[in-house]
Structure formats: C-alpha cells, structure tokens
C-alpha cells in the first residue's frame, strides 16, 4: 500500500529528527539551548507515536522497522 510507505517514511523522519535534536542537546553549551533541544526532541517523539498509531490502524498490525 502506497500510503503505508508514506507513513513509514514519516516515522523514520521523526526518528531522525529526534536523534538530531538529542545530539544538539548533548552538544549545547547553555541550559537554555539544551532545554530547547529537549523540547523539540519530545515533540518529535509525540509525532512518532501518533504516526505509529496511524500506521497500526491502517495496516491492522504493529509497525516494524523492516516493513519495506
């Protein structure tokens, strides 16, 4: 299903974005910057969870990374 591939790609993008923000948190020199990166990483995690639920509803099964 083409739509499932799109949702899968979106899930992967959220995982990559979260990793990017967590790296920014680790490398930041100020607490304000670390807090901002933590917040952004948390938002990406929320997006990932939302997309996982959508995928599972559409596919009728749990998401696995090796779907495609």
C-alpha atoms as a PDB file:
ATOM      1  CA  UNK A   1       0.000   0.000   0.000  1.00  0.00           C
ATOM      2  CA  UNK A   2       1.496   3.306  -1.101  1.00  0.00           C
ATOM      3  CA  UNK A   3       0.009   5.257   1.814  1.00  0.00           C
ATOM      4  CA  UNK A   4       1.651   2.910   4.320  1.00  0.00           C
ATOM      5  CA  UNK A   5       5.011   3.596   2.677  1.00  0.00           C
ATOM      6  CA  UNK A   6       4.439   7.313   3.157  1.00  0.00           C
ATOM      7  CA  UNK A   7       3.569   6.862   6.829  1.00  0.00           C
ATOM      8  CA  UNK A   8       6.634   4.610   7.226  1.00  0.00           C
ATOM      9  CA  UNK A   9       8.831   7.321   5.718  1.00  0.00           C
ATOM     10  CA  UNK A  10       7.305   9.898   8.065  1.00  0.00           C
ATOM     11  CA  UNK A  11       8.015   7.670  11.080  1.00  0.00           C
ATOM     12  CA  UNK A  12      11.632   7.330  10.008  1.00  0.00           C
ATOM     13  CA  UNK A  13      11.926  11.095   9.549  1.00  0.00           C
ATOM     14  CA  UNK A  14      10.621  11.685  13.065  1.00  0.00           C
ATOM     15  CA  UNK A  15      13.194   9.239  14.472  1.00  0.00           C
ATOM     16  CA  UNK A  16      15.988  11.034  12.609  1.00  0.00           C
ATOM     17  CA  UNK A  17      14.764  14.457  13.732  1.00  0.00           C
ATOM     18  CA  UNK A  18      14.621  13.312  17.358  1.00  0.00           C
ATOM     19  CA  UNK A  19      18.193  11.997  17.118  1.00  0.00           C
ATOM     20  CA  UNK A  20      19.287  15.316  15.602  1.00  0.00           C
ATOM     21  CA  UNK A  21      17.755  17.301  18.464  1.00  0.00           C
ATOM     22  CA  UNK A  22      19.193  14.979  21.113  1.00  0.00           C
ATOM     23  CA  UNK A  23      22.622  15.472  19.573  1.00  0.00           C
ATOM     24  CA  UNK A  24      22.054  19.218  19.716  1.00  0.00           C
ATOM     25  CA  UNK A  25      21.144  18.892  23.378  1.00  0.00           C
ATOM     26  CA  UNK A  26      24.361  16.982  24.133  1.00  0.00           C
ATOM     27  CA  UNK A  27      26.498  19.480  22.257  1.00  0.00           C
ATOM     28  CA  UNK A  28      24.893  22.679  23.561  1.00  0.00           C
ATOM     29  CA  UNK A  29      26.819  24.837  25.968  1.00  0.00           C
ATOM     30  CA  UNK A  30      23.885  26.585  27.656  1.00  0.00           C
ATOM     31  CA  UNK A  31      20.985  25.216  29.622  1.00  0.00           C
ATOM     32  CA  UNK A  32      18.521  27.282  27.574  1.00  0.00           C
ATOM     33  CA  UNK A  33      19.717  25.652  24.371  1.00  0.00           C
ATOM     34  CA  UNK A  34      19.678  22.173  25.964  1.00  0.00           C
ATOM     35  CA  UNK A  35      16.123  22.761  27.176  1.00  0.00           C
ATOM     36  CA  UNK A  36      15.015  23.850  23.710  1.00  0.00           C
ATOM     37  CA  UNK A  37      16.566  20.786  22.071  1.00  0.00           C
ATOM     38  CA  UNK A  38      14.963  18.506  24.713  1.00  0.00           C
ATOM     39  CA  UNK A  39      11.581  20.073  23.997  1.00  0.00           C
ATOM     40  CA  UNK A  40      11.988  19.653  20.260  1.00  0.00           C
ATOM     41  CA  UNK A  41      13.067  16.027  20.689  1.00  0.00           C
ATOM     42  CA  UNK A  42       9.979  15.428  22.828  1.00  0.00           C
ATOM     43  CA  UNK A  43       7.749  16.875  20.131  1.00  0.00           C
ATOM     44  CA  UNK A  44       9.304  14.579  17.532  1.00  0.00           C
ATOM     45  CA  UNK A  45       8.630  11.619  19.837  1.00  0.00           C
ATOM     46  CA  UNK A  46       4.975  12.653  20.086  1.00  0.00           C
ATOM     47  CA  UNK A  47       4.777  12.841  16.289  1.00  0.00           C
ATOM     48  CA  UNK A  48       6.377   9.388  16.001  1.00  0.00           C
ATOM     49  CA  UNK A  49       3.856   7.879  18.413  1.00  0.00           C
ATOM     50  CA  UNK A  50       0.961   9.469  16.537  1.00  0.00           C
ATOM     51  CA  UNK A  51       2.261   8.093  13.238  1.00  0.00           C
ATOM     52  CA  UNK A  52       2.804   4.639  14.745  1.00  0.00           C
ATOM     53  CA  UNK A  53      -0.822   4.578  15.887  1.00  0.00           C
ATOM     54  CA  UNK A  54      -1.960   5.676  12.431  1.00  0.00           C
ATOM     55  CA  UNK A  55       0.174   3.037  10.747  1.00  0.00           C
ATOM     56  CA  UNK A  56      -1.117   0.290  13.030  1.00  0.00           C
ATOM     57  CA  UNK A  57      -4.714   1.346  12.442  1.00  0.00           C
ATOM     58  CA  UNK A  58      -4.240   1.410   8.673  1.00  0.00           C
ATOM     59  CA  UNK A  59      -2.196  -1.809   8.433  1.00  0.00           C
ATOM     60  CA  UNK A  60      -4.087  -3.758  11.060  1.00  0.00           C
ATOM     61  CA  UNK A  61      -0.796  -4.806  12.653  1.00  0.00           C
ATOM     62  CA  UNK A  62       2.060  -3.436  14.686  1.00  0.00           C
ATOM     63  CA  UNK A  63       4.738  -1.413  12.933  1.00  0.00           C
ATOM     64  CA  UNK A  64       8.132  -2.984  12.429  1.00  0.00           C
ATOM     65  CA  UNK A  65      11.094  -1.071  11.043  1.00  0.00           C
ATOM     66  CA  UNK A  66      11.739  -3.647   8.328  1.00  0.00           C
ATOM     67  CA  UNK A  67       8.304  -3.308   6.742  1.00  0.00           C
ATOM     68  CA  UNK A  68       9.627  -2.028   3.425  1.00  0.00           C
END
